[in-house]
Structures are given as C-alpha cells and as structure tokens.
C-alpha cells in the first residue's frame, strides 16, 4: 500500500485503520467494477455497498458520501446498507424491506423518498 497523503510512504496493509481499510476496499471495488464494465457487453447499472461506514469519522464520511453522490447518475444507481444515522440522513431514497411474518404474510418492499 502506498500512502500518497504521507509522502508516498509504502505501508503494510496491516497498519491501516478501519477507516483506511474501508476506503481502500471501496476504491478497489469501484476500480474493478469499472474495468469489468469496460470489458463486458452489459453496462453496470447498480453498485451495492454493505456497511463499513461506521469506521469513518465525520469528515471522511462526508468525503465518501460526496464521492458516491458524484458517481450516481441516470445510468448507475448506488445502493447502501448502513446503520450510520449521518449517512442515512443524506440518502434521498430508502428501500424499506419488512420481513415475512409467521402468520403467512410475505416479505414486503417499499420505496421511501425524502
């Protein structure tokens, strides 16, 4: 791992904080998905992120969410699973999934727009 924010110092991955690990994983996933999309005949239309945001401080969370908002377009939707309230407050839409009930009522899904 090369730390360009620290003079290009090479660091072992084991020295990364939780937030740095999340950012590195996110950058790698976005880069790989872009490469896959360029090589395939079907465009990537949806990118899903599951948690990891709890490891970020407020400033870094703002940086990540701003970057994700810039990636969002008519051709690409980004889904996020998170329990971080600050993040949830910035997302314009929510997909609410209610689990099935023992009485036989199946799972229900609704979209909530803020």
PDB file of N, CA and C in Angstrom:
ATOM      1  N   UNK A   1       0.851  -1.160   0.000  1.00  0.00           N
ATOM      2  CA  UNK A   1       0.000   0.000   0.000  1.00  0.00           C
ATOM      3  C   UNK A   1       0.903   1.230   0.000  1.00  0.00           C
ATOM      4  N   UNK A   2       0.633   2.166  -0.897  1.00  0.00           N
ATOM      5  CA  UNK A   2       1.414   3.403  -0.919  1.00  0.00           C
ATOM      6  C   UNK A   2       0.525   4.525  -0.403  1.00  0.00           C
ATOM      7  N   UNK A   3       0.996   5.253   0.582  1.00  0.00           N
ATOM      8  CA  UNK A   3       0.259   6.328   1.234  1.00  0.00           C
ATOM      9  C   UNK A   3       0.667   7.663   0.615  1.00  0.00           C
ATOM     10  N   UNK A   4      -0.058   8.085  -0.440  1.00  0.00           N
ATOM     11  CA  UNK A   4       0.272   9.341  -1.122  1.00  0.00           C
ATOM     12  C   UNK A   4      -0.008  10.564  -0.254  1.00  0.00           C
ATOM     13  N   UNK A   5      -0.887  10.423   0.724  1.00  0.00           N
ATOM     14  CA  UNK A   5      -1.160  11.548   1.623  1.00  0.00           C
ATOM     15  C   UNK A   5      -0.035  11.731   2.637  1.00  0.00           C
ATOM     16  N   UNK A   6       0.899  10.801   2.645  1.00  0.00           N
ATOM     17  CA  UNK A   6       2.005  10.848   3.595  1.00  0.00           C
ATOM     18  C   UNK A   6       3.341  10.702   2.866  1.00  0.00           C
ATOM     19  N   UNK A   7       3.482  11.427   1.753  1.00  0.00           N
ATOM     20  CA  UNK A   7       4.748  11.446   1.027  1.00  0.00           C
ATOM     21  C   UNK A   7       5.041  10.205   0.208  1.00  0.00           C
ATOM     22  N   UNK A   8       4.036   9.395  -0.069  1.00  0.00           N
ATOM     23  CA  UNK A   8       4.243   8.202  -0.881  1.00  0.00           C
ATOM     24  C   UNK A   8       4.884   7.049  -0.140  1.00  0.00           C
ATOM     25  N   UNK A   9       4.841   7.096   1.183  1.00  0.00           N
ATOM     26  CA  UNK A   9       5.425   6.042   2.007  1.00  0.00           C
ATOM     27  C   UNK A   9       4.699   4.728   1.756  1.00  0.00           C
ATOM     28  N   UNK A  10       5.459   3.633   1.591  1.00  0.00           N
ATOM     29  CA  UNK A  10       4.854   2.308   1.451  1.00  0.00           C
ATOM     30  C   UNK A  10       4.562   1.756   2.840  1.00  0.00           C
ATOM     31  N   UNK A  11       3.322   1.269   3.009  1.00  0.00           N
ATOM     32  CA  UNK A  11       2.889   0.745   4.305  1.00  0.00           C
ATOM     33  C   UNK A  11       2.316  -0.654   4.135  1.00  0.00           C
ATOM     34  N   UNK A  12       2.558  -1.523   5.094  1.00  0.00           N
ATOM     35  CA  UNK A  12       1.881  -2.820   5.069  1.00  0.00           C
ATOM     36  C   UNK A  12       0.372  -2.609   5.284  1.00  0.00           C
ATOM     37  N   UNK A  13      -0.434  -3.423   4.636  1.00  0.00           N
ATOM     38  CA  UNK A  13      -1.879  -3.305   4.774  1.00  0.00           C
ATOM     39  C   UNK A  13      -2.299  -3.468   6.236  1.00  0.00           C
ATOM     40  N   UNK A  14      -1.568  -4.246   6.983  1.00  0.00           N
ATOM     41  CA  UNK A  14      -1.897  -4.487   8.395  1.00  0.00           C
ATOM     42  C   UNK A  14      -1.828  -3.215   9.249  1.00  0.00           C
ATOM     43  N   UNK A  15      -1.198  -2.130   8.732  1.00  0.00           N
ATOM     44  CA  UNK A  15      -1.091  -0.885   9.505  1.00  0.00           C
ATOM     45  C   UNK A  15      -2.265   0.066   9.253  1.00  0.00           C
ATOM     46  N   UNK A  16      -3.187  -0.304   8.347  1.00  0.00           N
ATOM     47  CA  UNK A  16      -4.307   0.577   8.032  1.00  0.00           C
ATOM     48  C   UNK A  16      -5.337   0.576   9.153  1.00  0.00           C
ATOM     49  N   UNK A  17      -5.907   1.743   9.414  1.00  0.00           N
ATOM     50  CA  UNK A  17      -7.003   1.828  10.379  1.00  0.00           C
ATOM     51  C   UNK A  17      -8.265   1.256   9.744  1.00  0.00           C
ATOM     52  N   UNK A  18      -9.322   1.134  10.522  1.00  0.00           N
ATOM     53  CA  UNK A  18     -10.588   0.635   9.987  1.00  0.00           C
ATOM     54  C   UNK A  18     -11.114   1.509   8.862  1.00  0.00           C
ATOM     55  N   UNK A  19     -11.025   2.822   9.034  1.00  0.00           N
ATOM     56  CA  UNK A  19     -11.489   3.752   8.001  1.00  0.00           C
ATOM     57  C   UNK A  19     -10.645   3.671   6.744  1.00  0.00           C
ATOM     58  N   UNK A  20      -9.317   3.549   6.924  1.00  0.00           N
ATOM     59  CA  UNK A  20      -8.427   3.432   5.763  1.00  0.00           C
ATOM     60  C   UNK A  20      -8.672   2.121   5.018  1.00  0.00           C
ATOM     61  N   UNK A  21      -8.928   1.052   5.758  1.00  0.00           N
ATOM     62  CA  UNK A  21      -9.230  -0.231   5.130  1.00  0.00           C
ATOM     63  C   UNK A  21     -10.509  -0.145   4.322  1.00  0.00           C
ATOM     64  N   UNK A  22     -11.541   0.515   4.880  1.00  0.00           N
ATOM     65  CA  UNK A  22     -12.802   0.678   4.163  1.00  0.00           C
ATOM     66  C   UNK A  22     -12.599   1.484   2.885  1.00  0.00           C
ATOM     67  N   UNK A  23     -11.875   2.605   2.977  1.00  0.00           N
ATOM     68  CA  UNK A  23     -11.637   3.438   1.796  1.00  0.00           C
ATOM     69  C   UNK A  23     -10.850   2.681   0.726  1.00  0.00           C
ATOM     70  N   UNK A  24      -9.870   1.914   1.142  1.00  0.00           N
ATOM     71  CA  UNK A  24      -9.076   1.131   0.199  1.00  0.00           C
ATOM     72  C   UNK A  24      -9.946   0.084  -0.481  1.00  0.00           C
ATOM     73  N   UNK A  25     -10.769  -0.600   0.293  1.00  0.00           N
ATOM     74  CA  UNK A  25     -11.671  -1.617  -0.267  1.00  0.00           C
ATOM     75  C   UNK A  25     -12.676  -0.995  -1.223  1.00  0.00           C
ATOM     76  N   UNK A  26     -13.205   0.154  -0.870  1.00  0.00           N
ATOM     77  CA  UNK A  26     -14.171   0.850  -1.718  1.00  0.00           C
ATOM     78  C   UNK A  26     -13.518   1.273  -3.038  1.00  0.00           C
ATOM     79  N   UNK A  27     -12.328   1.851  -2.955  1.00  0.00           N
ATOM     80  CA  UNK A  27     -11.626   2.283  -4.167  1.00  0.00           C
ATOM     81  C   UNK A  27     -11.326   1.089  -5.071  1.00  0.00           C
ATOM     82  N   UNK A  28     -10.906  -0.016  -4.478  1.00  0.00           N
ATOM     83  CA  UNK A  28     -10.606  -1.218  -5.255  1.00  0.00           C
ATOM     84  C   UNK A  28     -11.879  -1.767  -5.909  1.00  0.00           C
ATOM     85  N   UNK A  29     -12.963  -1.833  -5.166  1.00  0.00           N
ATOM     86  CA  UNK A  29     -14.226  -2.343  -5.716  1.00  0.00           C
ATOM     87  C   UNK A  29     -14.727  -1.467  -6.859  1.00  0.00           C
ATOM     88  N   UNK A  30     -14.650  -0.153  -6.702  1.00  0.00           N
ATOM     89  CA  UNK A  30     -15.091   0.754  -7.767  1.00  0.00           C
ATOM     90  C   UNK A  30     -14.206   0.614  -9.006  1.00  0.00           C
ATOM     91  N   UNK A  31     -12.898   0.484  -8.803  1.00  0.00           N
ATOM     92  CA  UNK A  31     -11.980   0.325  -9.932  1.00  0.00           C
ATOM     93  C   UNK A  31     -12.218  -0.984 -10.668  1.00  0.00           C
ATOM     94  N   UNK A  32     -12.384  -2.054  -9.921  1.00  0.00           N
ATOM     95  CA  UNK A  32     -12.643  -3.354 -10.541  1.00  0.00           C
ATOM     96  C   UNK A  32     -13.963  -3.362 -11.293  1.00  0.00           C
ATOM     97  N   UNK A  33     -14.994  -2.759 -10.714  1.00  0.00           N
ATOM     98  CA  UNK A  33     -16.289  -2.738 -11.393  1.00  0.00           C
ATOM     99  C   UNK A  33     -16.215  -1.920 -12.677  1.00  0.00           C
ATOM    100  N   UNK A  34     -15.434  -0.852 -12.667  1.00  0.00           N
ATOM    101  CA  UNK A  34     -15.276  -0.041 -13.884  1.00  0.00           C
ATOM    102  C   UNK A  34     -14.552  -0.843 -14.959  1.00  0.00           C
ATOM    103  N   UNK A  35     -13.530  -1.597 -14.574  1.00  0.00           N
ATOM    104  CA  UNK A  35     -12.797  -2.421 -15.534  1.00  0.00           C
ATOM    105  C   UNK A  35     -13.673  -3.536 -16.101  1.00  0.00           C
ATOM    106  N   UNK A  36     -14.463  -4.148 -15.250  1.00  0.00           N
ATOM    107  CA  UNK A  36     -15.385  -5.199 -15.699  1.00  0.00           C
ATOM    108  C   UNK A  36     -16.399  -4.619 -16.675  1.00  0.00           C
ATOM    109  N   UNK A  37     -16.898  -3.447 -16.355  1.00  0.00           N
ATOM    110  CA  UNK A  37     -17.876  -2.797 -17.223  1.00  0.00           C
ATOM    111  C   UNK A  37     -17.282  -2.472 -18.583  1.00  0.00           C
ATOM    112  N   UNK A  38     -16.047  -2.010 -18.623  1.00  0.00           N
ATOM    113  CA  UNK A  38     -15.401  -1.664 -19.886  1.00  0.00           C
ATOM    114  C   UNK A  38     -15.199  -2.880 -20.778  1.00  0.00           C
ATOM    115  N   UNK A  39     -15.012  -4.050 -20.183  1.00  0.00           N
ATOM    116  CA  UNK A  39     -14.751  -5.266 -20.952  1.00  0.00           C
ATOM    117  C   UNK A  39     -16.016  -6.021 -21.335  1.00  0.00           C
ATOM    118  N   UNK A  40     -17.118  -5.749 -20.678  1.00  0.00           N
ATOM    119  CA  UNK A  40     -18.332  -6.514 -20.924  1.00  0.00           C
ATOM    120  C   UNK A  40     -19.266  -5.840 -21.903  1.00  0.00           C
ATOM    121  N   UNK A  41     -20.249  -6.617 -22.335  1.00  0.00           N
ATOM    122  CA  UNK A  41     -21.231  -6.048 -23.255  1.00  0.00           C
ATOM    123  C   UNK A  41     -22.436  -5.472 -22.520  1.00  0.00           C
ATOM    124  N   UNK A  42     -22.512  -5.742 -21.220  1.00  0.00           N
ATOM    125  CA  UNK A  42     -23.631  -5.235 -20.439  1.00  0.00           C
ATOM    126  C   UNK A  42     -23.131  -4.183 -19.453  1.00  0.00           C
ATOM    127  N   UNK A  43     -23.723  -3.005 -19.433  1.00  0.00           N
ATOM    128  CA  UNK A  43     -23.249  -1.950 -18.533  1.00  0.00           C
ATOM    129  C   UNK A  43     -23.612  -2.243 -17.073  1.00  0.00           C
ATOM    130  N   UNK A  44     -22.743  -1.814 -16.201  1.00  0.00           N
ATOM    131  CA  UNK A  44     -23.019  -1.896 -14.771  1.00  0.00           C
ATOM    132  C   UNK A  44     -24.059  -0.834 -14.447  1.00  0.00           C
ATOM    133  N   UNK A  45     -25.195  -1.250 -13.910  1.00  0.00           N
ATOM    134  CA  UNK A  45     -26.261  -0.303 -13.631  1.00  0.00           C
ATOM    135  C   UNK A  45     -26.505  -0.123 -12.136  1.00  0.00           C
ATOM    136  N   UNK A  46     -25.902  -0.991 -11.335  1.00  0.00           N
ATOM    137  CA  UNK A  46     -26.161  -0.933  -9.904  1.00  0.00           C
ATOM    138  C   UNK A  46     -24.906  -1.351  -9.146  1.00  0.00           C
ATOM    139  N   UNK A  47     -24.534  -0.571  -8.161  1.00  0.00           N
ATOM    140  CA  UNK A  47     -23.381  -0.859  -7.314  1.00  0.00           C
ATOM    141  C   UNK A  47     -23.887  -0.866  -5.882  1.00  0.00           C
ATOM    142  N   UNK A  48     -23.638  -1.936  -5.131  1.00  0.00           N
ATOM    143  CA  UNK A  48     -24.190  -2.075  -3.788  1.00  0.00           C
ATOM    144  C   UNK A  48     -23.087  -2.098  -2.753  1.00  0.00           C
ATOM    145  N   UNK A  49     -23.223  -1.297  -1.693  1.00  0.00           N
ATOM    146  CA  UNK A  49     -22.256  -1.240  -0.591  1.00  0.00           C
ATOM    147  C   UNK A  49     -22.938  -1.696   0.690  1.00  0.00           C
ATOM    148  N   UNK A  50     -22.300  -2.602   1.388  1.00  0.00           N
ATOM    149  CA  UNK A  50     -22.862  -3.132   2.629  1.00  0.00           C
ATOM    150  C   UNK A  50     -21.972  -2.743   3.800  1.00  0.00           C
ATOM    151  N   UNK A  51     -22.422  -1.756   4.554  1.00  0.00           N
ATOM    152  CA  UNK A  51     -21.763  -1.287   5.774  1.00  0.00           C
ATOM    153  C   UNK A  51     -20.339  -0.806   5.581  1.00  0.00           C
ATOM    154  N   UNK A  52     -19.580  -0.735   6.667  1.00  0.00           N
ATOM    155  CA  UNK A  52     -18.220  -0.221   6.630  1.00  0.00           C
ATOM    156  C   UNK A  52     -18.145   1.256   6.967  1.00  0.00           C
ATOM    157  N   UNK A  53     -19.269   1.948   6.851  1.00  0.00           N
ATOM    158  CA  UNK A  53     -19.281   3.395   7.067  1.00  0.00           C
ATOM    159  C   UNK A  53     -19.072   3.776   8.532  1.00  0.00           C
ATOM    160  N   UNK A  54     -19.344   2.857   9.434  1.00  0.00           N
ATOM    161  CA  UNK A  54     -19.186   3.129  10.865  1.00  0.00           C
ATOM    162  C   UNK A  54     -17.738   3.313  11.279  1.00  0.00           C
ATOM    163  N   UNK A  55     -16.795   2.918  10.422  1.00  0.00           N
ATOM    164  CA  UNK A  55     -15.373   3.058  10.740  1.00  0.00           C
ATOM    165  C   UNK A  55     -14.837   4.440  10.362  1.00  0.00           C
ATOM    166  N   UNK A  56     -15.670   5.279   9.738  1.00  0.00           N
ATOM    167  CA  UNK A  56     -15.221   6.587   9.255  1.00  0.00           C
ATOM    168  C   UNK A  56     -15.575   7.690  10.238  1.00  0.00           C
ATOM    169  N   UNK A  57     -14.668   8.661  10.391  1.00  0.00           N
ATOM    170  CA  UNK A  57     -15.010   9.838  11.182  1.00  0.00           C
ATOM    171  C   UNK A  57     -15.924  10.731  10.336  1.00  0.00           C
ATOM    172  N   UNK A  58     -16.477  11.771  10.924  1.00  0.00           N
ATOM    173  CA  UNK A  58     -17.440  12.636  10.243  1.00  0.00           C
ATOM    174  C   UNK A  58     -16.918  13.242   8.950  1.00  0.00           C
ATOM    175  N   UNK A  59     -15.686  13.704   8.955  1.00  0.00           N
ATOM    176  CA  UNK A  59     -15.104  14.338   7.768  1.00  0.00           C
ATOM    177  C   UNK A  59     -14.917  13.326   6.632  1.00  0.00           C
ATOM    178  N   UNK A  60     -14.407  12.156   6.968  1.00  0.00           N
ATOM    179  CA  UNK A  60     -14.188  11.117   5.966  1.00  0.00           C
ATOM    180  C   UNK A  60     -15.517  10.574   5.436  1.00  0.00           C
ATOM    181  N   UNK A  61     -16.510  10.460   6.317  1.00  0.00           N
ATOM    182  CA  UNK A  61     -17.837  10.029   5.882  1.00  0.00           C
ATOM    183  C   UNK A  61     -18.400  11.011   4.863  1.00  0.00           C
ATOM    184  N   UNK A  62     -18.230  12.298   5.115  1.00  0.00           N
ATOM    185  CA  UNK A  62     -18.693  13.325   4.181  1.00  0.00           C
ATOM    186  C   UNK A  62     -17.971  13.199   2.835  1.00  0.00           C
ATOM    187  N   UNK A  63     -16.675  12.949   2.865  1.00  0.00           N
ATOM    188  CA  UNK A  63     -15.893  12.780   1.633  1.00  0.00           C
ATOM    189  C   UNK A  63     -16.404  11.594   0.825  1.00  0.00           C
ATOM    190  N   UNK A  64     -16.634  10.465   1.496  1.00  0.00           N
ATOM    191  CA  UNK A  64     -17.097   9.250   0.811  1.00  0.00           C
ATOM    192  C   UNK A  64     -18.493   9.460   0.226  1.00  0.00           C
ATOM    193  N   UNK A  65     -19.401  10.028   1.012  1.00  0.00           N
ATOM    194  CA  UNK A  65     -20.775  10.227   0.529  1.00  0.00           C
ATOM    195  C   UNK A  65     -20.793  11.207  -0.638  1.00  0.00           C
ATOM    196  N   UNK A  66     -20.010  12.261  -0.570  1.00  0.00           N
ATOM    197  CA  UNK A  66     -19.935  13.219  -1.673  1.00  0.00           C
ATOM    198  C   UNK A  66     -19.427  12.539  -2.938  1.00  0.00           C
ATOM    199  N   UNK A  67     -18.408  11.681  -2.800  1.00  0.00           N
ATOM    200  CA  UNK A  67     -17.883  10.953  -3.962  1.00  0.00           C
ATOM    201  C   UNK A  67     -18.937  10.010  -4.532  1.00  0.00           C
ATOM    202  N   UNK A  68     -19.670   9.322  -3.679  1.00  0.00           N
ATOM    203  CA  UNK A  68     -20.721   8.413  -4.148  1.00  0.00           C
ATOM    204  C   UNK A  68     -21.848   9.186  -4.835  1.00  0.00           C
ATOM    205  N   UNK A  69     -22.173  10.349  -4.304  1.00  0.00           N
ATOM    206  CA  UNK A  69     -23.212  11.184  -4.939  1.00  0.00           C
ATOM    207  C   UNK A  69     -22.785  11.611  -6.341  1.00  0.00           C
ATOM    208  N   UNK A  70     -21.502  11.887  -6.520  1.00  0.00           N
ATOM    209  CA  UNK A  70     -20.992  12.279  -7.834  1.00  0.00           C
ATOM    210  C   UNK A  70     -21.014  11.104  -8.819  1.00  0.00           C
ATOM    211  N   UNK A  71     -20.835   9.884  -8.312  1.00  0.00           N
ATOM    212  CA  UNK A  71     -20.870   8.699  -9.166  1.00  0.00           C
ATOM    213  C   UNK A  71     -22.287   8.343  -9.609  1.00  0.00           C
ATOM    214  N   UNK A  72     -23.243   8.676  -8.771  1.00  0.00           N
ATOM    215  CA  UNK A  72     -24.651   8.374  -9.069  1.00  0.00           C
ATOM    216  C   UNK A  72     -25.068   9.108 -10.339  1.00  0.00           C
ATOM    217  N   UNK A  73     -25.762   8.410 -11.238  1.00  0.00           N
ATOM    218  CA  UNK A  73     -26.218   9.029 -12.482  1.00  0.00           C
ATOM    219  C   UNK A  73     -27.471   8.315 -12.954  1.00  0.00           C
ATOM    220  N   UNK A  74     -27.974   8.736 -14.112  1.00  0.00           N
ATOM    221  CA  UNK A  74     -29.132   8.057 -14.690  1.00  0.00           C
ATOM    222  C   UNK A  74     -28.780   6.632 -15.090  1.00  0.00           C
ATOM    223  N   UNK A  75     -27.497   6.364 -15.336  1.00  0.00           N
ATOM    224  CA  UNK A  75     -27.062   5.047 -15.789  1.00  0.00           C
ATOM    225  C   UNK A  75     -26.514   4.164 -14.671  1.00  0.00           C
ATOM    226  N   UNK A  76     -26.299   4.723 -13.492  1.00  0.00           N
ATOM    227  CA  UNK A  76     -25.735   3.963 -12.380  1.00  0.00           C
ATOM    228  C   UNK A  76     -26.421   4.345 -11.073  1.00  0.00           C
ATOM    229  N   UNK A  77     -26.962   3.354 -10.413  1.00  0.00           N
ATOM    230  CA  UNK A  77     -27.552   3.549  -9.084  1.00  0.00           C
ATOM    231  C   UNK A  77     -26.627   2.924  -8.058  1.00  0.00           C
ATOM    232  N   UNK A  78     -26.525   3.559  -6.902  1.00  0.00           N
ATOM    233  CA  UNK A  78     -25.681   3.047  -5.827  1.00  0.00           C
ATOM    234  C   UNK A  78     -26.573   2.767  -4.630  1.00  0.00           C
ATOM    235  N   UNK A  79     -26.561   1.524  -4.193  1.00  0.00           N
ATOM    236  CA  UNK A  79     -27.324   1.122  -3.019  1.00  0.00           C
ATOM    237  C   UNK A  79     -26.403   1.006  -1.826  1.00  0.00           C
ATOM    238  N   UNK A  80     -26.899   1.383  -0.647  1.00  0.00           N
ATOM    239  CA  UNK A  80     -26.081   1.374   0.565  1.00  0.00           C
ATOM    240  C   UNK A  80     -26.880   0.729   1.695  1.00  0.00           C
ATOM    241  N   UNK A  81     -26.241  -0.203   2.396  1.00  0.00           N
ATOM    242  CA  UNK A  81     -26.807  -0.737   3.634  1.00  0.00           C
ATOM    243  C   UNK A  81     -26.004  -0.117   4.761  1.00  0.00           C
ATOM    244  N   UNK A  82     -26.669   0.592   5.657  1.00  0.00           N
ATOM    245  CA  UNK A  82     -25.929   1.227   6.747  1.00  0.00           C
ATOM    246  C   UNK A  82     -26.824   1.513   7.939  1.00  0.00           C
ATOM    247  N   UNK A  83     -26.207   1.470   9.116  1.00  0.00           N
ATOM    248  CA  UNK A  83     -26.881   1.859  10.341  1.00  0.00           C
ATOM    249  C   UNK A  83     -26.346   3.199  10.857  1.00  0.00           C
ATOM    250  N   UNK A  84     -25.484   3.843  10.073  1.00  0.00           N
ATOM    251  CA  UNK A  84     -24.906   5.135  10.456  1.00  0.00           C
ATOM    252  C   UNK A  84     -25.927   6.220  10.140  1.00  0.00           C
ATOM    253  N   UNK A  85     -26.454   6.855  11.176  1.00  0.00           N
ATOM    254  CA  UNK A  85     -27.539   7.827  11.022  1.00  0.00           C
ATOM    255  C   UNK A  85     -27.159   9.000  10.122  1.00  0.00           C
ATOM    256  N   UNK A  86     -25.919   9.510  10.245  1.00  0.00           N
ATOM    257  CA  UNK A  86     -25.482  10.640   9.428  1.00  0.00           C
ATOM    258  C   UNK A  86     -25.527  10.294   7.936  1.00  0.00           C
ATOM    259  N   UNK A  87     -25.182   9.062   7.610  1.00  0.00           N
ATOM    260  CA  UNK A  87     -25.224   8.617   6.222  1.00  0.00           C
ATOM    261  C   UNK A  87     -26.663   8.456   5.763  1.00  0.00           C
ATOM    262  N   UNK A  88     -27.464   7.807   6.559  1.00  0.00           N
ATOM    263  CA  UNK A  88     -28.864   7.573   6.194  1.00  0.00           C
ATOM    264  C   UNK A  88     -29.615   8.886   5.971  1.00  0.00           C
ATOM    265  N   UNK A  89     -29.242   9.922   6.702  1.00  0.00           N
ATOM    266  CA  UNK A  89     -29.915  11.220   6.565  1.00  0.00           C
ATOM    267  C   UNK A  89     -29.600  11.877   5.223  1.00  0.00           C
ATOM    268  N   UNK A  90     -28.473  11.527   4.610  1.00  0.00           N
ATOM    269  CA  UNK A  90     -28.082  12.148   3.332  1.00  0.00           C
ATOM    270  C   UNK A  90     -28.601  11.420   2.103  1.00  0.00           C
ATOM    271  N   UNK A  91     -29.113  10.229   2.278  1.00  0.00           N
ATOM    272  CA  UNK A  91     -29.587   9.447   1.141  1.00  0.00           C
ATOM    273  C   UNK A  91     -31.009   9.857   0.777  1.00  0.00           C
ATOM    274  N   UNK A  92     -31.266  10.187  -0.497  1.00  0.00           N
ATOM    275  CA  UNK A  92     -32.575  10.718  -0.888  1.00  0.00           C
ATOM    276  C   UNK A  92     -33.686   9.674  -0.968  1.00  0.00           C
ATOM    277  N   UNK A  93     -33.335   8.402  -1.114  1.00  0.00           N
ATOM    278  CA  UNK A  93     -34.341   7.348  -1.207  1.00  0.00           C
ATOM    279  C   UNK A  93     -33.937   6.194  -0.308  1.00  0.00           C
ATOM    280  N   UNK A  94     -34.974   5.505   0.192  1.00  0.00           N
ATOM    281  CA  UNK A  94     -34.727   4.324   1.013  1.00  0.00           C
ATOM    282  C   UNK A  94     -35.584   3.186   0.511  1.00  0.00           C
ATOM    283  N   UNK A  95     -35.001   2.023   0.472  1.00  0.00           N
ATOM    284  CA  UNK A  95     -35.731   0.812   0.156  1.00  0.00           C
ATOM    285  C   UNK A  95     -35.984   0.116   1.486  1.00  0.00           C
ATOM    286  N   UNK A  96     -37.236   0.076   1.897  1.00  0.00           N
ATOM    287  CA  UNK A  96     -37.605  -0.493   3.189  1.00  0.00           C
ATOM    288  C   UNK A  96     -38.100  -1.923   2.960  1.00  0.00           C
ATOM    289  N   UNK A  97     -37.453  -2.891   3.604  1.00  0.00           N
ATOM    290  CA  UNK A  97     -37.834  -4.292   3.478  1.00  0.00           C
ATOM    291  C   UNK A  97     -38.387  -4.752   4.822  1.00  0.00           C
ATOM    292  N   UNK A  98     -39.634  -5.170   4.806  1.00  0.00           N
ATOM    293  CA  UNK A  98     -40.283  -5.697   6.010  1.00  0.00           C
ATOM    294  C   UNK A  98     -40.276  -7.219   5.893  1.00  0.00           C
ATOM    295  N   UNK A  99     -39.723  -7.929   6.874  1.00  0.00           N
ATOM    296  CA  UNK A  99     -39.639  -9.389   6.770  1.00  0.00           C
ATOM    297  C   UNK A  99     -41.013 -10.062   6.822  1.00  0.00           C
ATOM    298  N   UNK A 100     -41.034 -11.293   6.357  1.00  0.00           N
ATOM    299  CA  UNK A 100     -42.282 -12.055   6.401  1.00  0.00           C
ATOM    300  C   UNK A 100     -42.670 -12.311   7.854  1.00  0.00           C
ATOM    301  N   UNK A 101     -43.932 -12.627   8.044  1.00  0.00           N
ATOM    302  CA  UNK A 101     -44.450 -12.877   9.389  1.00  0.00           C
ATOM    303  C   UNK A 101     -44.884 -14.333   9.510  1.00  0.00           C
ATOM    304  N   UNK A 102     -44.840 -14.878  10.734  1.00  0.00           N
ATOM    305  CA  UNK A 102     -45.256 -16.266  10.921  1.00  0.00           C
ATOM    306  C   UNK A 102     -46.712 -16.511  10.509  1.00  0.00           C
ATOM    307  N   UNK A 103     -47.531 -15.468  10.493  1.00  0.00           N
ATOM    308  CA  UNK A 103     -48.940 -15.618  10.136  1.00  0.00           C
ATOM    309  C   UNK A 103     -49.136 -15.914   8.650  1.00  0.00           C
ATOM    310  N   UNK A 104     -48.058 -15.829   7.875  1.00  0.00           N
ATOM    311  CA  UNK A 104     -48.156 -16.142   6.456  1.00  0.00           C
ATOM    312  C   UNK A 104     -47.999 -14.941   5.543  1.00  0.00           C
ATOM    313  N   UNK A 105     -48.004 -13.727   6.115  1.00  0.00           N
ATOM    314  CA  UNK A 105     -47.789 -12.535   5.289  1.00  0.00           C
ATOM    315  C   UNK A 105     -46.347 -12.543   4.801  1.00  0.00           C
ATOM    316  N   UNK A 106     -46.170 -12.417   3.502  1.00  0.00           N
ATOM    317  CA  UNK A 106     -44.837 -12.453   2.908  1.00  0.00           C
ATOM    318  C   UNK A 106     -44.066 -11.173   3.137  1.00  0.00           C
ATOM    319  N   UNK A 107     -42.828 -11.178   2.693  1.00  0.00           N
ATOM    320  CA  UNK A 107     -41.957 -10.017   2.777  1.00  0.00           C
ATOM    321  C   UNK A 107     -42.541  -8.890   1.931  1.00  0.00           C
ATOM    322  N   UNK A 108     -42.486  -7.671   2.459  1.00  0.00           N
ATOM    323  CA  UNK A 108     -42.963  -6.526   1.677  1.00  0.00           C
ATOM    324  C   UNK A 108     -41.809  -5.547   1.480  1.00  0.00           C
ATOM    325  N   UNK A 109     -41.860  -4.856   0.351  1.00  0.00           N
ATOM    326  CA  UNK A 109     -40.821  -3.895  -0.015  1.00  0.00           C
ATOM    327  C   UNK A 109     -41.484  -2.599  -0.460  1.00  0.00           C
ATOM    328  N   UNK A 110     -40.957  -1.478   0.017  1.00  0.00           N
ATOM    329  CA  UNK A 110     -41.475  -0.179  -0.423  1.00  0.00           C
ATOM    330  C   UNK A 110     -40.324   0.805  -0.534  1.00  0.00           C
ATOM    331  N   UNK A 111     -40.508   1.793  -1.411  1.00  0.00           N
ATOM    332  CA  UNK A 111     -39.505   2.842  -1.581  1.00  0.00           C
ATOM    333  C   UNK A 111     -39.997   4.081  -0.859  1.00  0.00           C
ATOM    334  N   UNK A 112     -39.113   4.680  -0.079  1.00  0.00           N
ATOM    335  CA  UNK A 112     -39.418   5.899   0.664  1.00  0.00           C
ATOM    336  C   UNK A 112     -38.530   7.012   0.116  1.00  0.00           C
ATOM    337  N   UNK A 113     -39.128   8.092  -0.356  1.00  0.00           N
ATOM    338  CA  UNK A 113     -38.372   9.222  -0.876  1.00  0.00           C
ATOM    339  C   UNK A 113     -38.423  10.352   0.142  1.00  0.00           C
ATOM    340  N   UNK A 114     -37.262  10.911   0.431  1.00  0.00           N
ATOM    341  CA  UNK A 114     -37.196  12.000   1.416  1.00  0.00           C
ATOM    342  C   UNK A 114     -37.311  13.333   0.763  1.00  0.00           C
TER     343      UNK A 114
END
